[in-house]
Amino acid sequence: MTAPPTRRPDASMTLIREIMDQPLDPGYAAESARRLAAGKPSSSGLRSPVVLLACIVVGFILGVAAESYNRDVPSIARTKAGLIDQIGAARVSADRTSSTVARLQSEVSAMESRQLPDLTPRLLMLEEGAGTTPVRGPAYVVSLDDAPSADAASSQTDPRVAPASGGRVLSRDLQIVVNGLWSAGAEAIAINGQRLTASSAIRFAGDAILVNFRPLTRPYVITSLGDPAAIAQRLAASAGGSYLADLKNNFGIIVDTQQLDGVTIPGATSLTVRYAVPDVSTPVTQTPSEARS
């Protein structure tokens, strides 16, 4: 009895077997045979004038691109350095202007005190409420800084998404903490020396947080005047305190709090009203508290 024919181990791998046994496509093999029959080499090779010309053109283009890039690098560096210098000069000019405004406001207040002695107490009360004059007293201070693990990718985070995405402090975080401090009984608040008033805005612009349209640098120090112990207790029991704990525990934000005595908060330097105008037809002679007594 004859033994059955043995089956090839790769019988089920037809495609792979054809690739291994016939690596050259039949069309290429036919073209090679035609060139050999015509007395030409089996392939054009890499010495074809067209191939050499193409290589020269590609090399020339790459060389020009590299030269252009290297030539633009110093120009970009100079432009960046110039912009940094302009920003620094603009900040110095803005600080100088703010100091001048504060000095002029102090002079105006002194003149009002001399010329209008009867109205001075009421003006002082209104100025303190509006945030135009410096105030001093005990304070509860909250400092926020980016998490140590915050990476550069988080700079592209949309500030409207979850708080402190990527471990960075966002404008939304400052807004919520500031609102919590107001609710906890703060009488005056400033962020990195920028006094908050009824017209203040805490905004996010690119990588910077703006308060009163002034860019702030880390860390963000929120100073709130009032009874420090009472503010701390009320803040901890409020939604603002829960938000602070969430920033620290879940996002790694550095949160630091202090209770200080004798802290001075500067007055706001710009309180321009664009649409409202004073109504002088019915002058107010009493405060709301006086009218209710």
C-alpha atoms as a PDB file:
ATOM      1  CA  MET A   1       0.000   0.000   0.000  1.00  0.00           C
ATOM      2  CA  THR A   2       1.381   3.333  -1.031  1.00  0.00           C
ATOM      3  CA  ALA A   3       1.713   6.086   1.582  1.00  0.00           C
ATOM      4  CA  PRO A   4      -0.531   9.110   1.084  1.00  0.00           C
ATOM      5  CA  PRO A   5       1.245  12.143  -0.329  1.00  0.00           C
ATOM      6  CA  THR A   6       2.559  14.387   2.383  1.00  0.00           C
ATOM      7  CA  ARG A   7       0.965  17.822   2.668  1.00  0.00           C
ATOM      8  CA  ARG A   8       3.221  20.853   2.598  1.00  0.00           C
ATOM      9  CA  PRO A   9       3.268  22.671   5.952  1.00  0.00           C
ATOM     10  CA  ASP A  10       2.676  25.977   4.179  1.00  0.00           C
ATOM     11  CA  ALA A  11      -0.086  24.691   1.913  1.00  0.00           C
ATOM     12  CA  SER A  12      -2.600  27.124   3.478  1.00  0.00           C
ATOM     13  CA  MET A  13      -0.255  30.107   3.047  1.00  0.00           C
ATOM     14  CA  THR A  14      -0.649  30.563  -0.699  1.00  0.00           C
ATOM     15  CA  LEU A  15      -0.114  34.317  -0.780  1.00  0.00           C
ATOM     16  CA  ILE A  16       2.963  34.243   1.452  1.00  0.00           C
ATOM     17  CA  ARG A  17       4.410  31.306  -0.509  1.00  0.00           C
ATOM     18  CA  GLU A  18       3.991  33.139  -3.811  1.00  0.00           C
ATOM     19  CA  ILE A  19       5.687  36.218  -2.380  1.00  0.00           C
ATOM     20  CA  MET A  20       8.640  34.141  -1.156  1.00  0.00           C
ATOM     21  CA  ASP A  21       8.950  32.005  -4.308  1.00  0.00           C
ATOM     22  CA  GLN A  22       8.361  34.820  -6.827  1.00  0.00           C
ATOM     23  CA  PRO A  23       9.459  38.085  -5.226  1.00  0.00           C
ATOM     24  CA  LEU A  24       9.556  39.856  -8.613  1.00  0.00           C
ATOM     25  CA  ASP A  25       6.225  40.953 -10.086  1.00  0.00           C
ATOM     26  CA  PRO A  26       5.538  39.191 -13.445  1.00  0.00           C
ATOM     27  CA  GLY A  27       5.161  42.574 -15.129  1.00  0.00           C
ATOM     28  CA  TYR A  28       8.648  43.654 -14.026  1.00  0.00           C
ATOM     29  CA  ALA A  29      10.064  40.294 -15.118  1.00  0.00           C
ATOM     30  CA  ALA A  30       8.502  40.665 -18.591  1.00  0.00           C
ATOM     31  CA  GLU A  31       9.840  44.213 -18.946  1.00  0.00           C
ATOM     32  CA  SER A  32      13.314  43.042 -17.888  1.00  0.00           C
ATOM     33  CA  ALA A  33      13.214  40.247 -20.500  1.00  0.00           C
ATOM     34  CA  ARG A  34      12.106  42.728 -23.177  1.00  0.00           C
ATOM     35  CA  ARG A  35      15.009  45.059 -22.356  1.00  0.00           C
ATOM     36  CA  LEU A  36      17.473  42.166 -22.498  1.00  0.00           C
ATOM     37  CA  ALA A  37      16.069  41.059 -25.890  1.00  0.00           C
ATOM     38  CA  ALA A  38      16.551  44.607 -27.186  1.00  0.00           C
ATOM     39  CA  GLY A  39      20.181  44.627 -26.067  1.00  0.00           C
ATOM     40  CA  LYS A  40      19.649  46.974 -23.142  1.00  0.00           C
ATOM     41  CA  PRO A  41      20.447  46.369 -19.492  1.00  0.00           C
ATOM     42  CA  SER A  42      17.726  44.666 -17.485  1.00  0.00           C
ATOM     43  CA  SER A  43      17.049  47.865 -15.452  1.00  0.00           C
ATOM     44  CA  SER A  44      17.643  51.552 -15.876  1.00  0.00           C
ATOM     45  CA  GLY A  45      19.553  51.690 -12.535  1.00  0.00           C
ATOM     46  CA  LEU A  46      20.399  54.751 -10.526  1.00  0.00           C
ATOM     47  CA  ARG A  47      22.705  56.236 -13.137  1.00  0.00           C
ATOM     48  CA  SER A  48      19.873  57.518 -15.308  1.00  0.00           C
ATOM     49  CA  PRO A  49      20.286  61.224 -16.147  1.00  0.00           C
ATOM     50  CA  VAL A  50      16.716  61.892 -14.987  1.00  0.00           C
ATOM     51  CA  VAL A  51      17.398  60.322 -11.580  1.00  0.00           C
ATOM     52  CA  LEU A  52      20.639  62.257 -11.201  1.00  0.00           C
ATOM     53  CA  LEU A  53      18.936  65.506 -12.161  1.00  0.00           C
ATOM     54  CA  ALA A  54      16.110  64.870  -9.713  1.00  0.00           C
ATOM     55  CA  CYS A  55      18.633  64.215  -6.919  1.00  0.00           C
ATOM     56  CA  ILE A  56      20.453  67.456  -7.726  1.00  0.00           C
ATOM     57  CA  VAL A  57      17.212  69.463  -7.689  1.00  0.00           C
ATOM     58  CA  VAL A  58      16.051  67.951  -4.401  1.00  0.00           C
ATOM     59  CA  GLY A  59      19.453  68.561  -2.804  1.00  0.00           C
ATOM     60  CA  PHE A  60      19.418  72.173  -4.003  1.00  0.00           C
ATOM     61  CA  ILE A  61      15.937  72.758  -2.559  1.00  0.00           C
ATOM     62  CA  LEU A  62      16.923  71.243   0.794  1.00  0.00           C
ATOM     63  CA  GLY A  63      20.080  73.367   0.890  1.00  0.00           C
ATOM     64  CA  VAL A  64      18.161  76.566   0.173  1.00  0.00           C
ATOM     65  CA  ALA A  65      15.565  75.695   2.843  1.00  0.00           C
ATOM     66  CA  ALA A  66      18.271  75.008   5.437  1.00  0.00           C
ATOM     67  CA  GLU A  67      20.083  78.244   4.591  1.00  0.00           C
ATOM     68  CA  SER A  68      16.837  80.237   4.834  1.00  0.00           C
ATOM     69  CA  TYR A  69      16.000  78.683   8.204  1.00  0.00           C
ATOM     70  CA  ASN A  70      19.439  79.373   9.639  1.00  0.00           C
ATOM     71  CA  ARG A  71      19.293  82.941   8.362  1.00  0.00           C
ATOM     72  CA  ASP A  72      15.865  83.553   9.973  1.00  0.00           C
ATOM     73  CA  VAL A  73      16.850  82.222  13.432  1.00  0.00           C
ATOM     74  CA  PRO A  74      18.839  85.331  14.495  1.00  0.00           C
ATOM     75  CA  SER A  75      16.065  87.563  13.138  1.00  0.00           C
ATOM     76  CA  ILE A  76      13.428  85.714  15.174  1.00  0.00           C
ATOM     77  CA  ALA A  77      15.585  85.929  18.285  1.00  0.00           C
ATOM     78  CA  ARG A  78      16.074  89.678  17.782  1.00  0.00           C
ATOM     79  CA  THR A  79      12.352  90.194  17.247  1.00  0.00           C
ATOM     80  CA  LYS A  80      11.507  88.236  20.400  1.00  0.00           C
ATOM     81  CA  ALA A  81      14.063  90.169  22.444  1.00  0.00           C
ATOM     82  CA  GLY A  82      12.673  93.443  21.106  1.00  0.00           C
ATOM     83  CA  LEU A  83       9.122  92.471  22.061  1.00  0.00           C
ATOM     84  CA  ILE A  84      10.265  91.491  25.569  1.00  0.00           C
ATOM     85  CA  ASP A  85      11.966  94.879  25.944  1.00  0.00           C
ATOM     86  CA  GLN A  86       8.817  96.662  24.767  1.00  0.00           C
ATOM     87  CA  ILE A  87       6.681  94.750  27.256  1.00  0.00           C
ATOM     88  CA  GLY A  88       9.075  95.591  30.078  1.00  0.00           C
ATOM     89  CA  ALA A  89       9.121  99.272  29.115  1.00  0.00           C
ATOM     90  CA  ALA A  90       5.313  99.352  28.879  1.00  0.00           C
ATOM     91  CA  ARG A  91       5.001  97.808  32.348  1.00  0.00           C
ATOM     92  CA  VAL A  92       7.414 100.350  33.812  1.00  0.00           C
ATOM     93  CA  SER A  93       5.457 103.164  32.159  1.00  0.00           C
ATOM     94  CA  ALA A  94       2.141 101.756  33.443  1.00  0.00           C
ATOM     95  CA  ASP A  95       3.524 101.467  36.990  1.00  0.00           C
ATOM     96  CA  ARG A  96       4.814 105.039  36.814  1.00  0.00           C
ATOM     97  CA  THR A  97       1.432 106.259  35.572  1.00  0.00           C
ATOM     98  CA  SER A  98      -0.374 104.363  38.340  1.00  0.00           C
ATOM     99  CA  SER A  99       1.867 105.996  40.936  1.00  0.00           C
ATOM    100  CA  THR A 100       1.124 109.418  39.448  1.00  0.00           C
ATOM    101  CA  VAL A 101      -2.616 108.752  39.517  1.00  0.00           C
ATOM    102  CA  ALA A 102      -2.446 107.646  43.153  1.00  0.00           C
ATOM    103  CA  ARG A 103      -0.490 110.775  44.078  1.00  0.00           C
ATOM    104  CA  LEU A 104      -2.975 113.040  42.292  1.00  0.00           C
ATOM    105  CA  GLN A 105      -5.882 111.274  43.977  1.00  0.00           C
ATOM    106  CA  SER A 106      -4.276 111.931  47.353  1.00  0.00           C
ATOM    107  CA  GLU A 107      -3.863 115.617  46.461  1.00  0.00           C
ATOM    108  CA  VAL A 108      -7.491 115.842  45.343  1.00  0.00           C
ATOM    109  CA  SER A 109      -8.628 114.234  48.604  1.00  0.00           C
ATOM    110  CA  ALA A 110      -6.552 116.713  50.612  1.00  0.00           C
ATOM    111  CA  MET A 111      -8.036 119.645  48.688  1.00  0.00           C
ATOM    112  CA  GLU A 112     -11.559 118.306  49.219  1.00  0.00           C
ATOM    113  CA  SER A 113     -10.903 118.008  52.941  1.00  0.00           C
ATOM    114  CA  ARG A 114      -9.808 121.650  53.088  1.00  0.00           C
ATOM    115  CA  GLN A 115     -12.520 123.061  50.856  1.00  0.00           C
ATOM    116  CA  LEU A 116     -15.448 120.842  51.895  1.00  0.00           C
ATOM    117  CA  PRO A 117     -14.950 120.050  55.593  1.00  0.00           C
ATOM    118  CA  ASP A 118     -18.626 119.287  56.142  1.00  0.00           C
ATOM    119  CA  LEU A 119     -18.729 116.679  53.379  1.00  0.00           C
ATOM    120  CA  THR A 120     -15.364 115.086  54.139  1.00  0.00           C
ATOM    121  CA  PRO A 121     -16.677 112.251  56.383  1.00  0.00           C
ATOM    122  CA  ARG A 122     -19.306 111.267  53.812  1.00  0.00           C
ATOM    123  CA  LEU A 123     -16.799 111.477  50.942  1.00  0.00           C
ATOM    124  CA  LEU A 124     -14.381 109.269  52.848  1.00  0.00           C
ATOM    125  CA  MET A 125     -17.119 106.716  53.473  1.00  0.00           C
ATOM    126  CA  LEU A 126     -18.131 106.697  49.788  1.00  0.00           C
ATOM    127  CA  GLU A 127     -14.520 106.487  48.619  1.00  0.00           C
ATOM    128  CA  GLU A 128     -13.825 103.540  50.899  1.00  0.00           C
ATOM    129  CA  GLY A 129     -16.914 101.772  49.619  1.00  0.00           C
ATOM    130  CA  ALA A 130     -15.974 102.482  45.998  1.00  0.00           C
ATOM    131  CA  GLY A 131     -12.386 101.324  46.585  1.00  0.00           C
ATOM    132  CA  THR A 132     -10.656 104.548  45.535  1.00  0.00           C
ATOM    133  CA  THR A 133      -8.670 105.059  48.743  1.00  0.00           C
ATOM    134  CA  PRO A 134      -6.165 102.775  50.466  1.00  0.00           C
ATOM    135  CA  VAL A 135      -7.443 100.881  53.496  1.00  0.00           C
ATOM    136  CA  ARG A 136      -5.580  99.170  56.311  1.00  0.00           C
ATOM    137  CA  GLY A 137      -6.414  96.503  58.855  1.00  0.00           C
ATOM    138  CA  PRO A 138      -6.198  92.799  59.722  1.00  0.00           C
ATOM    139  CA  ALA A 139      -6.389  90.500  56.737  1.00  0.00           C
ATOM    140  CA  TYR A 140      -6.952  86.911  55.688  1.00  0.00           C
ATOM    141  CA  VAL A 141      -4.583  86.091  52.819  1.00  0.00           C
ATOM    142  CA  VAL A 142      -5.011  83.220  50.347  1.00  0.00           C
ATOM    143  CA  SER A 143      -2.135  82.408  47.964  1.00  0.00           C
ATOM    144  CA  LEU A 144      -2.568  80.198  44.889  1.00  0.00           C
ATOM    145  CA  ASP A 145       0.213  78.852  42.676  1.00  0.00           C
ATOM    146  CA  ASP A 146       0.468  76.319  39.861  1.00  0.00           C
ATOM    147  CA  ALA A 147       1.018  72.688  40.745  1.00  0.00           C
ATOM    148  CA  PRO A 148       4.664  71.564  40.512  1.00  0.00           C
ATOM    149  CA  SER A 149       3.661  68.973  37.910  1.00  0.00           C
ATOM    150  CA  ALA A 150       1.913  71.491  35.638  1.00  0.00           C
ATOM    151  CA  ASP A 151       3.278  71.075  32.101  1.00  0.00           C
ATOM    152  CA  ALA A 152       3.460  73.379  29.127  1.00  0.00           C
ATOM    153  CA  ALA A 153       0.609  71.580  27.397  1.00  0.00           C
ATOM    154  CA  SER A 154      -1.816  72.920  29.966  1.00  0.00           C
ATOM    155  CA  SER A 155      -1.233  76.421  28.608  1.00  0.00           C
ATOM    156  CA  GLN A 156      -3.583  75.555  25.771  1.00  0.00           C
ATOM    157  CA  THR A 157      -6.377  74.654  28.179  1.00  0.00           C
ATOM    158  CA  ASP A 158      -9.670  76.410  27.589  1.00  0.00           C
ATOM    159  CA  PRO A 159     -10.363  78.401  30.779  1.00  0.00           C
ATOM    160  CA  ARG A 160     -14.073  77.555  30.487  1.00  0.00           C
ATOM    161  CA  VAL A 161     -13.528  73.858  31.226  1.00  0.00           C
ATOM    162  CA  ALA A 162     -12.960  72.131  34.577  1.00  0.00           C
ATOM    163  CA  PRO A 163     -11.071  74.173  37.195  1.00  0.00           C
ATOM    164  CA  ALA A 164      -7.289  74.220  37.148  1.00  0.00           C
ATOM    165  CA  SER A 165      -6.984  71.872  34.204  1.00  0.00           C
ATOM    166  CA  GLY A 166      -3.386  70.670  33.925  1.00  0.00           C
ATOM    167  CA  GLY A 167      -2.534  71.931  37.414  1.00  0.00           C
ATOM    168  CA  ARG A 168      -2.528  75.617  36.416  1.00  0.00           C
ATOM    169  CA  VAL A 169      -4.410  78.360  38.229  1.00  0.00           C
ATOM    170  CA  LEU A 170      -7.087  79.827  35.966  1.00  0.00           C
ATOM    171  CA  SER A 171      -9.076  83.046  36.130  1.00  0.00           C
ATOM    172  CA  ARG A 172     -12.135  81.002  37.057  1.00  0.00           C
ATOM    173  CA  ASP A 173     -10.364  79.760  40.182  1.00  0.00           C
ATOM    174  CA  LEU A 174      -9.613  83.307  41.326  1.00  0.00           C
ATOM    175  CA  GLN A 175     -13.175  84.406  40.612  1.00  0.00           C
ATOM    176  CA  ILE A 176     -14.673  81.628  42.739  1.00  0.00           C
ATOM    177  CA  VAL A 177     -12.246  82.171  45.631  1.00  0.00           C
ATOM    178  CA  VAL A 178     -12.805  85.951  45.574  1.00  0.00           C
ATOM    179  CA  ASN A 179     -16.584  85.497  45.602  1.00  0.00           C
ATOM    180  CA  GLY A 180     -16.193  83.122  48.545  1.00  0.00           C
ATOM    181  CA  LEU A 181     -14.151  85.729  50.443  1.00  0.00           C
ATOM    182  CA  TRP A 182     -16.777  88.419  49.792  1.00  0.00           C
ATOM    183  CA  SER A 183     -19.462  86.070  51.081  1.00  0.00           C
ATOM    184  CA  ALA A 184     -17.319  85.269  54.125  1.00  0.00           C
ATOM    185  CA  GLY A 185     -17.332  88.932  55.199  1.00  0.00           C
ATOM    186  CA  ALA A 186     -14.321  90.505  53.489  1.00  0.00           C
ATOM    187  CA  GLU A 187     -14.551  94.309  53.450  1.00  0.00           C
ATOM    188  CA  ALA A 188     -11.876  94.947  50.798  1.00  0.00           C
ATOM    189  CA  ILE A 189      -9.972  92.589  48.477  1.00  0.00           C
ATOM    190  CA  ALA A 190      -6.896  92.923  46.287  1.00  0.00           C
ATOM    191  CA  ILE A 191      -5.089  90.398  44.072  1.00  0.00           C
ATOM    192  CA  ASN A 192      -1.342  90.997  43.803  1.00  0.00           C
ATOM    193  CA  GLY A 193      -1.959  94.613  44.783  1.00  0.00           C
ATOM    194  CA  GLN A 194      -4.816  95.166  42.308  1.00  0.00           C
ATOM    195  CA  ARG A 195      -7.822  96.480  44.247  1.00  0.00           C
ATOM    196  CA  LEU A 196     -11.143  94.881  43.326  1.00  0.00           C
ATOM    197  CA  THR A 197     -14.079  97.224  42.852  1.00  0.00           C
ATOM    198  CA  ALA A 198     -17.543  97.041  41.315  1.00  0.00           C
ATOM    199  CA  SER A 199     -15.994  97.517  37.853  1.00  0.00           C
ATOM    200  CA  SER A 200     -13.077  95.080  38.245  1.00  0.00           C
ATOM    201  CA  ALA A 201     -12.712  92.081  35.962  1.00  0.00           C
ATOM    202  CA  ILE A 202     -10.718  88.876  36.431  1.00  0.00           C
ATOM    203  CA  ARG A 203     -10.026  87.567  32.950  1.00  0.00           C
ATOM    204  CA  PHE A 204      -7.909  84.948  31.177  1.00  0.00           C
ATOM    205  CA  ALA A 205      -5.916  86.075  28.128  1.00  0.00           C
ATOM    206  CA  GLY A 206      -3.618  83.471  26.613  1.00  0.00           C
ATOM    207  CA  ASP A 207      -1.241  82.368  29.358  1.00  0.00           C
ATOM    208  CA  ALA A 208      -1.862  85.399  31.577  1.00  0.00           C
ATOM    209  CA  ILE A 209      -4.515  86.257  34.159  1.00  0.00           C
ATOM    210  CA  LEU A 210      -5.637  89.885  33.986  1.00  0.00           C
ATOM    211  CA  VAL A 211      -7.097  91.875  36.880  1.00  0.00           C
ATOM    212  CA  ASN A 212      -8.178  95.427  36.077  1.00  0.00           C
ATOM    213  CA  PHE A 213      -6.593  94.735  32.655  1.00  0.00           C
ATOM    214  CA  ARG A 214      -3.186  94.288  34.285  1.00  0.00           C
ATOM    215  CA  PRO A 215      -1.331  90.967  33.852  1.00  0.00           C
ATOM    216  CA  LEU A 216      -0.464  89.160  37.071  1.00  0.00           C
ATOM    217  CA  THR A 217       2.474  86.889  37.835  1.00  0.00           C
ATOM    218  CA  ARG A 218       2.494  83.795  40.027  1.00  0.00           C
ATOM    219  CA  PRO A 219       1.820  83.272  42.837  1.00  0.00           C
ATOM    220  CA  TYR A 220      -1.606  84.891  43.029  1.00  0.00           C
ATOM    221  CA  VAL A 221      -1.985  86.501  46.460  1.00  0.00           C
ATOM    222  CA  ILE A 222      -5.567  87.371  47.408  1.00  0.00           C
ATOM    223  CA  THR A 223      -5.636  89.778  50.366  1.00  0.00           C
ATOM    224  CA  SER A 224      -8.995  90.312  52.086  1.00  0.00           C
ATOM    225  CA  LEU A 225      -9.429  92.811  54.909  1.00  0.00           C
ATOM    226  CA  GLY A 226     -11.763  91.977  57.778  1.00  0.00           C
ATOM    227  CA  ASP A 227     -11.841  89.698  60.792  1.00  0.00           C
ATOM    228  CA  PRO A 228      -9.326  87.001  59.735  1.00  0.00           C
ATOM    229  CA  ALA A 229     -10.651  84.289  62.048  1.00  0.00           C
ATOM    230  CA  ALA A 230     -14.264  84.871  61.037  1.00  0.00           C
ATOM    231  CA  ILE A 231     -13.417  84.980  57.317  1.00  0.00           C
ATOM    232  CA  ALA A 232     -11.404  81.749  57.588  1.00  0.00           C
ATOM    233  CA  GLN A 233     -14.219  79.969  59.423  1.00  0.00           C
ATOM    234  CA  ARG A 234     -16.963  81.119  57.049  1.00  0.00           C
ATOM    235  CA  LEU A 235     -14.881  80.429  53.950  1.00  0.00           C
ATOM    236  CA  ALA A 236     -14.090  76.883  55.099  1.00  0.00           C
ATOM    237  CA  ALA A 237     -17.806  76.175  55.550  1.00  0.00           C
ATOM    238  CA  SER A 238     -18.787  77.627  52.165  1.00  0.00           C
ATOM    239  CA  ALA A 239     -18.626  76.487  48.552  1.00  0.00           C
ATOM    240  CA  GLY A 240     -15.480  78.623  48.104  1.00  0.00           C
ATOM    241  CA  GLY A 241     -13.685  76.630  50.815  1.00  0.00           C
ATOM    242  CA  SER A 242     -14.716  73.345  49.206  1.00  0.00           C
ATOM    243  CA  TYR A 243     -13.425  74.640  45.881  1.00  0.00           C
ATOM    244  CA  LEU A 244     -10.064  75.539  47.445  1.00  0.00           C
ATOM    245  CA  ALA A 245      -9.769  72.066  48.961  1.00  0.00           C
ATOM    246  CA  ASP A 246     -10.621  70.526  45.598  1.00  0.00           C
ATOM    247  CA  LEU A 247      -7.914  72.580  43.877  1.00  0.00           C
ATOM    248  CA  LYS A 248      -5.326  71.397  46.413  1.00  0.00           C
ATOM    249  CA  ASN A 249      -6.310  67.734  46.752  1.00  0.00           C
ATOM    250  CA  ASN A 250      -7.368  66.844  43.198  1.00  0.00           C
ATOM    251  CA  PHE A 251      -5.258  69.157  41.015  1.00  0.00           C
ATOM    252  CA  GLY A 252      -2.130  69.738  43.104  1.00  0.00           C
ATOM    253  CA  ILE A 253      -2.585  73.519  43.211  1.00  0.00           C
ATOM    254  CA  ILE A 254      -0.424  75.069  45.940  1.00  0.00           C
ATOM    255  CA  VAL A 255      -2.790  76.740  48.429  1.00  0.00           C
ATOM    256  CA  ASP A 256      -1.473  78.759  51.368  1.00  0.00           C
ATOM    257  CA  THR A 257      -3.448  80.837  53.890  1.00  0.00           C
ATOM    258  CA  GLN A 258      -2.317  83.389  56.475  1.00  0.00           C
ATOM    259  CA  GLN A 259      -3.889  85.656  59.082  1.00  0.00           C
ATOM    260  CA  LEU A 260      -2.015  88.968  59.261  1.00  0.00           C
ATOM    261  CA  ASP A 261      -2.299  92.264  61.120  1.00  0.00           C
ATOM    262  CA  GLY A 262      -1.750  95.758  59.766  1.00  0.00           C
ATOM    263  CA  VAL A 263      -2.060  95.015  56.059  1.00  0.00           C
ATOM    264  CA  THR A 264      -2.594  97.910  53.625  1.00  0.00           C
ATOM    265  CA  ILE A 265      -4.553  97.511  50.389  1.00  0.00           C
ATOM    266  CA  PRO A 266      -4.040 100.268  47.792  1.00  0.00           C
ATOM    267  CA  GLY A 267      -6.902 102.142  46.217  1.00  0.00           C
ATOM    268  CA  ALA A 268      -8.071 101.489  42.675  1.00  0.00           C
ATOM    269  CA  THR A 269      -6.461 103.783  40.094  1.00  0.00           C
ATOM    270  CA  SER A 270      -9.149 103.632  37.416  1.00  0.00           C
ATOM    271  CA  LEU A 271     -12.867 103.885  38.052  1.00  0.00           C
ATOM    272  CA  THR A 272     -14.010 105.497  34.817  1.00  0.00           C
ATOM    273  CA  VAL A 273     -17.767 105.271  34.284  1.00  0.00           C
ATOM    274  CA  ARG A 274     -18.662 104.997  30.589  1.00  0.00           C
ATOM    275  CA  TYR A 275     -22.438 105.030  30.540  1.00  0.00           C
ATOM    276  CA  ALA A 276     -23.700 106.164  33.955  1.00  0.00           C
ATOM    277  CA  VAL A 277     -23.838 109.866  34.819  1.00  0.00           C
ATOM    278  CA  PRO A 278     -24.485 111.534  38.189  1.00  0.00           C
ATOM    279  CA  ASP A 279     -28.060 112.618  38.832  1.00  0.00           C
ATOM    280  CA  VAL A 280     -27.797 116.085  40.338  1.00  0.00           C
ATOM    281  CA  SER A 281     -31.509 116.828  40.104  1.00  0.00           C
ATOM    282  CA  THR A 282     -32.265 114.968  43.349  1.00  0.00           C
ATOM    283  CA  PRO A 283     -29.160 115.200  45.542  1.00  0.00           C
ATOM    284  CA  VAL A 284     -28.820 112.554  48.230  1.00  0.00           C
ATOM    285  CA  THR A 285     -28.442 114.064  51.675  1.00  0.00           C
ATOM    286  CA  GLN A 286     -28.680 110.868  53.728  1.00  0.00           C
ATOM    287  CA  THR A 287     -27.094 107.464  53.630  1.00  0.00           C
ATOM    288  CA  PRO A 288     -29.375 104.414  53.416  1.00  0.00           C
ATOM    289  CA  SER A 289     -28.661 103.564  57.052  1.00  0.00           C
ATOM    290  CA  GLU A 290     -29.554 107.084  58.135  1.00  0.00           C
ATOM    291  CA  ALA A 291     -32.792 106.973  56.135  1.00  0.00           C
ATOM    292  CA  ARG A 292     -33.844 103.692  57.820  1.00  0.00           C
ATOM    293  CA  SER A 293     -33.096 104.856  61.359  1.00  0.00           C
END
